[in-house]
Amino acid sequence: QPFASDITNPSLARLAVQIAPAVKSTAIDVGAGDLVSSVS
């Protein structure tokens, strides 16, 4: 959901993402596009 910023036009964002262990032994490779996280 949108979060209201008290800063007009923020220029830099930080994301920290916790990924739980997968059911299968398949490794997650964020660099290969298994997960793409974006900010608006």
All heavy atoms as atom14 arrays in JSON, in Angstrom:
{
  "sequence": "QPFASDITNPSLARLAVQIAPAVKSTAIDVGAGDLVSSVS",
  "atom14_mask": [
    [1, 1, 1, 1, 1, 1, 1, 1, 1, 0, 0, 0, 0, 0],
    [1, 1, 1, 1, 1, 1, 1, 0, 0, 0, 0, 0, 0, 0],
    [1, 1, 1, 1, 1, 1, 1, 1, 1, 1, 1, 0, 0, 0],
    [1, 1, 1, 1, 1, 0, 0, 0, 0, 0, 0, 0, 0, 0],
    [1, 1, 1, 1, 1, 1, 0, 0, 0, 0, 0, 0, 0, 0],
    [1, 1, 1, 1, 1, 1, 1, 1, 0, 0, 0, 0, 0, 0],
    [1, 1, 1, 1, 1, 1, 1, 1, 0, 0, 0, 0, 0, 0],
    [1, 1, 1, 1, 1, 1, 1, 0, 0, 0, 0, 0, 0, 0],
    [1, 1, 1, 1, 1, 1, 1, 1, 0, 0, 0, 0, 0, 0],
    [1, 1, 1, 1, 1, 1, 1, 0, 0, 0, 0, 0, 0, 0],
    [1, 1, 1, 1, 1, 1, 0, 0, 0, 0, 0, 0, 0, 0],
    [1, 1, 1, 1, 1, 1, 1, 1, 0, 0, 0, 0, 0, 0],
    [1, 1, 1, 1, 1, 0, 0, 0, 0, 0, 0, 0, 0, 0],
    [1, 1, 1, 1, 1, 1, 1, 1, 1, 1, 1, 0, 0, 0],
    [1, 1, 1, 1, 1, 1, 1, 1, 0, 0, 0, 0, 0, 0],
    [1, 1, 1, 1, 1, 0, 0, 0, 0, 0, 0, 0, 0, 0],
    [1, 1, 1, 1, 1, 1, 1, 0, 0, 0, 0, 0, 0, 0],
    [1, 1, 1, 1, 1, 1, 1, 1, 1, 0, 0, 0, 0, 0],
    [1, 1, 1, 1, 1, 1, 1, 1, 0, 0, 0, 0, 0, 0],
    [1, 1, 1, 1, 1, 0, 0, 0, 0, 0, 0, 0, 0, 0],
    [1, 1, 1, 1, 1, 1, 1, 0, 0, 0, 0, 0, 0, 0],
    [1, 1, 1, 1, 1, 0, 0, 0, 0, 0, 0, 0, 0, 0],
    [1, 1, 1, 1, 1, 1, 1, 0, 0, 0, 0, 0, 0, 0],
    [1, 1, 1, 1, 1, 1, 1, 1, 1, 0, 0, 0, 0, 0],
    [1, 1, 1, 1, 1, 1, 0, 0, 0, 0, 0, 0, 0, 0],
    [1, 1, 1, 1, 1, 1, 1, 0, 0, 0, 0, 0, 0, 0],
    [1, 1, 1, 1, 1, 0, 0, 0, 0, 0, 0, 0, 0, 0],
    [1, 1, 1, 1, 1, 1, 1, 1, 0, 0, 0, 0, 0, 0],
    [1, 1, 1, 1, 1, 1, 1, 1, 0, 0, 0, 0, 0, 0],
    [1, 1, 1, 1, 1, 1, 1, 0, 0, 0, 0, 0, 0, 0],
    [1, 1, 1, 1, 0, 0, 0, 0, 0, 0, 0, 0, 0, 0],
    [1, 1, 1, 1, 1, 0, 0, 0, 0, 0, 0, 0, 0, 0],
    [1, 1, 1, 1, 0, 0, 0, 0, 0, 0, 0, 0, 0, 0],
    [1, 1, 1, 1, 1, 1, 1, 1, 0, 0, 0, 0, 0, 0],
    [1, 1, 1, 1, 1, 1, 1, 1, 0, 0, 0, 0, 0, 0],
    [1, 1, 1, 1, 1, 1, 1, 0, 0, 0, 0, 0, 0, 0],
    [1, 1, 1, 1, 1, 1, 0, 0, 0, 0, 0, 0, 0, 0],
    [1, 1, 1, 1, 1, 1, 0, 0, 0, 0, 0, 0, 0, 0],
    [1, 1, 1, 1, 1, 1, 1, 0, 0, 0, 0, 0, 0, 0],
    [1, 1, 1, 1, 1, 1, 0, 0, 0, 0, 0, 0, 0, 0]
  ],
  "atom14_positions": [
    [[0.86, -1.17, 0.0], [0.0, 0.0, 0.0], [0.91, 1.23, 0.0], [2.06, 1.16, 0.44], [-0.89, 0.01, 1.25], [-1.91, -1.1, 1.27], [-2.94, -0.93, 0.17], [-3.43, 0.16, -0.09], [-3.27, -2.02, -0.5], [0.0, 0.0, 0.0], [0.0, 0.0, 0.0], [0.0, 0.0, 0.0], [0.0, 0.0, 0.0], [0.0, 0.0, 0.0]],
    [[0.44, 2.37, -0.47], [1.28, 3.57, -0.46], [1.6, 4.04, 0.96], [0.77, 3.96, 1.86], [0.43, 4.61, -1.18], [-0.59, 3.83, -1.94], [-0.83, 2.59, -1.15], [0.0, 0.0, 0.0], [0.0, 0.0, 0.0], [0.0, 0.0, 0.0], [0.0, 0.0, 0.0], [0.0, 0.0, 0.0], [0.0, 0.0, 0.0], [0.0, 0.0, 0.0]],
    [[2.82, 4.51, 1.13], [3.28, 5.14, 2.37], [3.49, 6.61, 2.07], [4.21, 6.95, 1.14], [4.6, 4.54, 2.86], [4.52, 3.09, 3.22], [4.78, 2.11, 2.28], [4.19, 2.7, 4.51], [4.71, 0.76, 2.6], [4.13, 1.36, 4.85], [4.38, 0.39, 3.89], [0.0, 0.0, 0.0], [0.0, 0.0, 0.0], [0.0, 0.0, 0.0]],
    [[2.88, 7.49, 2.86], [3.04, 8.93, 2.65], [4.39, 9.38, 3.19], [4.71, 9.15, 4.34], [1.91, 9.69, 3.34], [0.0, 0.0, 0.0], [0.0, 0.0, 0.0], [0.0, 0.0, 0.0], [0.0, 0.0, 0.0], [0.0, 0.0, 0.0], [0.0, 0.0, 0.0], [0.0, 0.0, 0.0], [0.0, 0.0, 0.0], [0.0, 0.0, 0.0]],
    [[5.16, 10.01, 2.34], [6.47, 10.53, 2.74], [6.33, 11.98, 3.2], [5.6, 12.76, 2.59], [7.44, 10.47, 1.56], [8.64, 11.14, 1.89], [0.0, 0.0, 0.0], [0.0, 0.0, 0.0], [0.0, 0.0, 0.0], [0.0, 0.0, 0.0], [0.0, 0.0, 0.0], [0.0, 0.0, 0.0], [0.0, 0.0, 0.0], [0.0, 0.0, 0.0]],
    [[7.06, 12.33, 4.25], [7.09, 13.72, 4.67], [8.17, 14.49, 3.91], [8.37, 15.67, 4.14], [7.29, 13.84, 6.18], [8.56, 13.17, 6.66], [9.21, 12.46, 5.86], [8.92, 13.35, 7.83], [0.0, 0.0, 0.0], [0.0, 0.0, 0.0], [0.0, 0.0, 0.0], [0.0, 0.0, 0.0], [0.0, 0.0, 0.0], [0.0, 0.0, 0.0]],
    [[8.84, 13.81, 3.01], [9.86, 14.42, 2.15], [9.26, 14.58, 0.75], [8.71, 13.64, 0.19], [11.11, 13.52, 2.06], [11.73, 13.31, 3.44], [12.13, 14.11, 1.09], [12.8, 12.24, 3.45], [0.0, 0.0, 0.0], [0.0, 0.0, 0.0], [0.0, 0.0, 0.0], [0.0, 0.0, 0.0], [0.0, 0.0, 0.0], [0.0, 0.0, 0.0]],
    [[9.34, 15.78, 0.22], [8.87, 16.01, -1.14], [9.91, 15.48, -2.11], [11.08, 15.81, -2.02], [8.65, 17.52, -1.38], [7.73, 18.01, -0.4], [8.1, 17.78, -2.77], [0.0, 0.0, 0.0], [0.0, 0.0, 0.0], [0.0, 0.0, 0.0], [0.0, 0.0, 0.0], [0.0, 0.0, 0.0], [0.0, 0.0, 0.0], [0.0, 0.0, 0.0]],
    [[9.48, 14.63, -3.0], [10.34, 14.04, -4.03], [11.59, 13.35, -3.47], [12.72, 13.77, -3.74], [10.75, 15.09, -5.06], [9.56, 15.7, -5.75], [8.57, 15.03, -6.0], [9.64, 16.99, -6.04], [0.0, 0.0, 0.0], [0.0, 0.0, 0.0], [0.0, 0.0, 0.0], [0.0, 0.0, 0.0], [0.0, 0.0, 0.0], [0.0, 0.0, 0.0]],
    [[11.44, 12.29, -2.68], [12.62, 11.55, -2.21], [13.47, 11.13, -3.4], [12.95, 10.87, -4.49], [12.02, 10.33, -1.52], [10.6, 10.66, -1.25], [10.19, 11.65, -2.29], [0.0, 0.0, 0.0], [0.0, 0.0, 0.0], [0.0, 0.0, 0.0], [0.0, 0.0, 0.0], [0.0, 0.0, 0.0], [0.0, 0.0, 0.0], [0.0, 0.0, 0.0]],
    [[14.78, 11.08, -3.21], [15.66, 10.76, -4.33], [16.34, 9.4, -4.2], [16.83, 8.86, -5.19], [16.74, 11.84, -4.47], [17.55, 11.87, -3.31], [0.0, 0.0, 0.0], [0.0, 0.0, 0.0], [0.0, 0.0, 0.0], [0.0, 0.0, 0.0], [0.0, 0.0, 0.0], [0.0, 0.0, 0.0], [0.0, 0.0, 0.0], [0.0, 0.0, 0.0]],
    [[16.37, 8.83, -3.01], [17.03, 7.55, -2.79], [16.17, 6.69, -1.88], [15.63, 7.19, -0.89], [18.41, 7.75, -2.15], [19.25, 6.5, -1.95], [19.73, 5.94, -3.29], [20.46, 6.79, -1.06], [0.0, 0.0, 0.0], [0.0, 0.0, 0.0], [0.0, 0.0, 0.0], [0.0, 0.0, 0.0], [0.0, 0.0, 0.0], [0.0, 0.0, 0.0]],
    [[16.04, 5.43, -2.23], [15.27, 4.49, -1.39], [16.14, 3.28, -1.08], [17.04, 2.93, -1.84], [14.01, 4.05, -2.11], [0.0, 0.0, 0.0], [0.0, 0.0, 0.0], [0.0, 0.0, 0.0], [0.0, 0.0, 0.0], [0.0, 0.0, 0.0], [0.0, 0.0, 0.0], [0.0, 0.0, 0.0], [0.0, 0.0, 0.0], [0.0, 0.0, 0.0]],
    [[15.86, 2.67, 0.07], [16.54, 1.44, 0.51], [15.48, 0.38, 0.75], [14.45, 0.65, 1.35], [17.29, 1.7, 1.8], [17.86, 0.44, 2.43], [18.47, 0.75, 3.82], [18.83, -0.46, 4.51], [18.09, -1.06, 5.45], [16.95, -0.52, 5.84], [18.49, -2.17, 6.01], [0.0, 0.0, 0.0], [0.0, 0.0, 0.0], [0.0, 0.0, 0.0]],
    [[15.74, -0.81, 0.24], [14.88, -1.96, 0.51], [15.7, -3.03, 1.22], [16.84, -3.29, 0.85], [14.34, -2.56, -0.79], [13.22, -1.84, -1.5], [12.87, -2.58, -2.79], [11.99, -1.74, -0.63], [0.0, 0.0, 0.0], [0.0, 0.0, 0.0], [0.0, 0.0, 0.0], [0.0, 0.0, 0.0], [0.0, 0.0, 0.0], [0.0, 0.0, 0.0]],
    [[15.11, -3.63, 2.23], [15.66, -4.82, 2.87], [14.56, -5.86, 2.81], [13.42, -5.6, 3.2], [16.07, -4.54, 4.31], [0.0, 0.0, 0.0], [0.0, 0.0, 0.0], [0.0, 0.0, 0.0], [0.0, 0.0, 0.0], [0.0, 0.0, 0.0], [0.0, 0.0, 0.0], [0.0, 0.0, 0.0], [0.0, 0.0, 0.0], [0.0, 0.0, 0.0]],
    [[14.89, -7.03, 2.28], [13.9, -8.07, 2.04], [14.36, -9.35, 2.73], [15.5, -9.79, 2.52], [13.72, -8.33, 0.53], [12.64, -9.36, 0.27], [13.42, -7.04, -0.21], [0.0, 0.0, 0.0], [0.0, 0.0, 0.0], [0.0, 0.0, 0.0], [0.0, 0.0, 0.0], [0.0, 0.0, 0.0], [0.0, 0.0, 0.0], [0.0, 0.0, 0.0]],
    [[13.49, -9.93, 3.53], [13.79, -11.22, 4.16], [13.06, -12.3, 3.38], [11.84, -12.22, 3.19], [13.36, -11.26, 5.62], [13.71, -12.58, 6.28], [13.42, -12.57, 7.78], [13.1, -11.54, 8.36], [13.54, -13.74, 8.38], [0.0, 0.0, 0.0], [0.0, 0.0, 0.0], [0.0, 0.0, 0.0], [0.0, 0.0, 0.0], [0.0, 0.0, 0.0]],
    [[13.81, -13.29, 2.92], [13.25, -14.39, 2.15], [13.38, -15.65, 2.98], [14.48, -16.04, 3.38], [13.96, -14.54, 0.8], [13.81, -13.25, -0.01], [13.41, -15.74, 0.04], [14.57, -13.23, -1.3], [0.0, 0.0, 0.0], [0.0, 0.0, 0.0], [0.0, 0.0, 0.0], [0.0, 0.0, 0.0], [0.0, 0.0, 0.0], [0.0, 0.0, 0.0]],
    [[12.24, -16.29, 3.25], [12.21, -17.52, 4.02], [12.78, -18.66, 3.18], [12.78, -18.59, 1.95], [10.77, -17.83, 4.44], [0.0, 0.0, 0.0], [0.0, 0.0, 0.0], [0.0, 0.0, 0.0], [0.0, 0.0, 0.0], [0.0, 0.0, 0.0], [0.0, 0.0, 0.0], [0.0, 0.0, 0.0], [0.0, 0.0, 0.0], [0.0, 0.0, 0.0]],
    [[13.25, -19.71, 3.84], [13.79, -20.85, 3.07], [12.74, -21.42, 2.13], [11.57, -21.52, 2.47], [14.16, -21.87, 4.15], [14.22, -21.1, 5.42], [13.3, -19.93, 5.27], [0.0, 0.0, 0.0], [0.0, 0.0, 0.0], [0.0, 0.0, 0.0], [0.0, 0.0, 0.0], [0.0, 0.0, 0.0], [0.0, 0.0, 0.0], [0.0, 0.0, 0.0]],
    [[13.17, -21.81, 0.95], [12.27, -22.4, -0.03], [11.96, -23.84, 0.35], [12.75, -24.51, 1.01], [12.9, -22.35, -1.43], [0.0, 0.0, 0.0], [0.0, 0.0, 0.0], [0.0, 0.0, 0.0], [0.0, 0.0, 0.0], [0.0, 0.0, 0.0], [0.0, 0.0, 0.0], [0.0, 0.0, 0.0], [0.0, 0.0, 0.0], [0.0, 0.0, 0.0]],
    [[10.8, -24.29, -0.1], [10.42, -25.68, 0.14], [11.35, -26.6, -0.64], [11.81, -27.62, -0.16], [8.95, -25.91, -0.28], [8.59, -27.38, -0.19], [8.02, -25.07, 0.58], [0.0, 0.0, 0.0], [0.0, 0.0, 0.0], [0.0, 0.0, 0.0], [0.0, 0.0, 0.0], [0.0, 0.0, 0.0], [0.0, 0.0, 0.0], [0.0, 0.0, 0.0]],
    [[11.65, -26.23, -1.86], [12.58, -26.99, -2.68], [13.98, -26.45, -2.46], [14.17, -25.34, -1.97], [12.2, -26.86, -4.16], [10.81, -27.4, -4.46], [10.46, -27.19, -5.9], [9.05, -27.66, -6.17], [8.61, -27.36, -7.52], [0.0, 0.0, 0.0], [0.0, 0.0, 0.0], [0.0, 0.0, 0.0], [0.0, 0.0, 0.0], [0.0, 0.0, 0.0]],
    [[14.97, -27.2, -2.84], [16.35, -26.77, -2.64], [16.84, -25.86, -3.76], [18.01, -25.82, -4.07], [17.26, -28.0, -2.53], [17.18, -28.75, -3.72], [0.0, 0.0, 0.0], [0.0, 0.0, 0.0], [0.0, 0.0, 0.0], [0.0, 0.0, 0.0], [0.0, 0.0, 0.0], [0.0, 0.0, 0.0], [0.0, 0.0, 0.0], [0.0, 0.0, 0.0]],
    [[15.93, -25.15, -4.4], [16.29, -24.26, -5.49], [16.79, -22.94, -4.93], [16.09, -22.28, -4.17], [15.06, -23.99, -6.38], [14.47, -25.24, -6.73], [15.45, -23.26, -7.63], [0.0, 0.0, 0.0], [0.0, 0.0, 0.0], [0.0, 0.0, 0.0], [0.0, 0.0, 0.0], [0.0, 0.0, 0.0], [0.0, 0.0, 0.0], [0.0, 0.0, 0.0]],
    [[17.99, -22.55, -5.27], [18.56, -21.29, -4.78], [17.9, -20.11, -5.48], [17.6, -20.16, -6.66], [20.06, -21.27, -5.02], [0.0, 0.0, 0.0], [0.0, 0.0, 0.0], [0.0, 0.0, 0.0], [0.0, 0.0, 0.0], [0.0, 0.0, 0.0], [0.0, 0.0, 0.0], [0.0, 0.0, 0.0], [0.0, 0.0, 0.0], [0.0, 0.0, 0.0]],
    [[17.69, -19.05, -4.73], [17.14, -17.81, -5.28], [18.32, -16.98, -5.77], [19.28, -16.76, -5.04], [16.37, -17.03, -4.2], [15.26, -17.89, -3.59], [15.81, -15.73, -4.77], [14.25, -18.4, -4.57], [0.0, 0.0, 0.0], [0.0, 0.0, 0.0], [0.0, 0.0, 0.0], [0.0, 0.0, 0.0], [0.0, 0.0, 0.0], [0.0, 0.0, 0.0]],
    [[18.25, -16.53, -7.0], [19.3, -15.69, -7.56], [18.67, -14.36, -7.95], [18.05, -14.25, -9.01], [19.94, -16.36, -8.77], [21.12, -15.59, -9.32], [21.36, -14.45, -8.87], [21.8, -16.11, -10.21], [0.0, 0.0, 0.0], [0.0, 0.0, 0.0], [0.0, 0.0, 0.0], [0.0, 0.0, 0.0], [0.0, 0.0, 0.0], [0.0, 0.0, 0.0]],
    [[18.79, -13.36, -7.05], [18.17, -12.07, -7.35], [18.8, -11.42, -8.57], [18.15, -10.69, -9.3], [18.19, -11.12, -6.13], [17.36, -11.68, -5.0], [19.59, -10.84, -5.66], [0.0, 0.0, 0.0], [0.0, 0.0, 0.0], [0.0, 0.0, 0.0], [0.0, 0.0, 0.0], [0.0, 0.0, 0.0], [0.0, 0.0, 0.0], [0.0, 0.0, 0.0]],
    [[20.07, -11.7, -8.82], [20.74, -11.14, -9.99], [20.23, -11.7, -11.3], [20.31, -11.06, -12.33], [0.0, 0.0, 0.0], [0.0, 0.0, 0.0], [0.0, 0.0, 0.0], [0.0, 0.0, 0.0], [0.0, 0.0, 0.0], [0.0, 0.0, 0.0], [0.0, 0.0, 0.0], [0.0, 0.0, 0.0], [0.0, 0.0, 0.0], [0.0, 0.0, 0.0]],
    [[19.67, -12.91, -11.27], [19.15, -13.54, -12.49], [17.67, -13.25, -12.69], [17.05, -13.78, -13.6], [19.39, -15.04, -12.44], [0.0, 0.0, 0.0], [0.0, 0.0, 0.0], [0.0, 0.0, 0.0], [0.0, 0.0, 0.0], [0.0, 0.0, 0.0], [0.0, 0.0, 0.0], [0.0, 0.0, 0.0], [0.0, 0.0, 0.0], [0.0, 0.0, 0.0]],
    [[17.09, -12.44, -11.83], [15.69, -12.07, -12.0], [14.7, -12.99, -11.34], [13.51, -12.9, -11.61], [0.0, 0.0, 0.0], [0.0, 0.0, 0.0], [0.0, 0.0, 0.0], [0.0, 0.0, 0.0], [0.0, 0.0, 0.0], [0.0, 0.0, 0.0], [0.0, 0.0, 0.0], [0.0, 0.0, 0.0], [0.0, 0.0, 0.0], [0.0, 0.0, 0.0]],
    [[15.16, -13.9, -10.46], [14.2, -14.72, -9.72], [13.31, -13.83, -8.86], [12.15, -14.15, -8.63], [14.93, -15.73, -8.82], [15.72, -16.75, -9.61], [15.47, -16.91, -10.82], [16.59, -17.39, -9.01], [0.0, 0.0, 0.0], [0.0, 0.0, 0.0], [0.0, 0.0, 0.0], [0.0, 0.0, 0.0], [0.0, 0.0, 0.0], [0.0, 0.0, 0.0]],
    [[13.87, -12.73, -8.38], [13.12, -11.74, -7.61], [13.58, -10.36, -8.05], [14.77, -10.06, -8.01], [13.37, -11.91, -6.11], [12.75, -10.83, -5.21], [11.23, -10.9, -5.26], [13.25, -10.97, -3.78], [0.0, 0.0, 0.0], [0.0, 0.0, 0.0], [0.0, 0.0, 0.0], [0.0, 0.0, 0.0], [0.0, 0.0, 0.0], [0.0, 0.0, 0.0]],
    [[12.63, -9.54, -8.48], [12.94, -8.15, -8.84], [12.13, -7.27, -7.89], [10.9, -7.33, -7.87], [12.58, -7.84, -10.31], [12.83, -6.37, -10.61], [13.36, -8.74, -11.25], [0.0, 0.0, 0.0], [0.0, 0.0, 0.0], [0.0, 0.0, 0.0], [0.0, 0.0, 0.0], [0.0, 0.0, 0.0], [0.0, 0.0, 0.0], [0.0, 0.0, 0.0]],
    [[12.82, -6.48, -7.1], [12.19, -5.57, -6.14], [12.38, -4.14, -6.62], [13.5, -3.76, -6.99], [12.79, -5.76, -4.75], [12.54, -7.07, -4.29], [0.0, 0.0, 0.0], [0.0, 0.0, 0.0], [0.0, 0.0, 0.0], [0.0, 0.0, 0.0], [0.0, 0.0, 0.0], [0.0, 0.0, 0.0], [0.0, 0.0, 0.0], [0.0, 0.0, 0.0]],
    [[11.31, -3.37, -6.61], [11.33, -2.02, -7.17], [10.67, -1.05, -6.21], [9.9, -1.45, -5.33], [10.59, -1.99, -8.5], [11.11, -2.93, -9.4], [0.0, 0.0, 0.0], [0.0, 0.0, 0.0], [0.0, 0.0, 0.0], [0.0, 0.0, 0.0], [0.0, 0.0, 0.0], [0.0, 0.0, 0.0], [0.0, 0.0, 0.0], [0.0, 0.0, 0.0]],
    [[10.93, 0.24, -6.43], [10.37, 1.31, -5.61], [9.76, 2.38, -6.51], [10.27, 2.67, -7.59], [11.46, 1.95, -4.71], [10.92, 3.14, -3.94], [12.04, 0.93, -3.75], [0.0, 0.0, 0.0], [0.0, 0.0, 0.0], [0.0, 0.0, 0.0], [0.0, 0.0, 0.0], [0.0, 0.0, 0.0], [0.0, 0.0, 0.0], [0.0, 0.0, 0.0]],
    [[8.66, 2.95, -6.02], [7.98, 4.05, -6.71], [7.78, 5.19, -5.72], [7.5, 4.96, -4.54], [6.62, 3.59, -7.22], [5.86, 4.67, -7.7], [0.0, 0.0, 0.0], [0.0, 0.0, 0.0], [0.0, 0.0, 0.0], [0.0, 0.0, 0.0], [0.0, 0.0, 0.0], [0.0, 0.0, 0.0], [0.0, 0.0, 0.0], [0.0, 0.0, 0.0]]
  ]
}
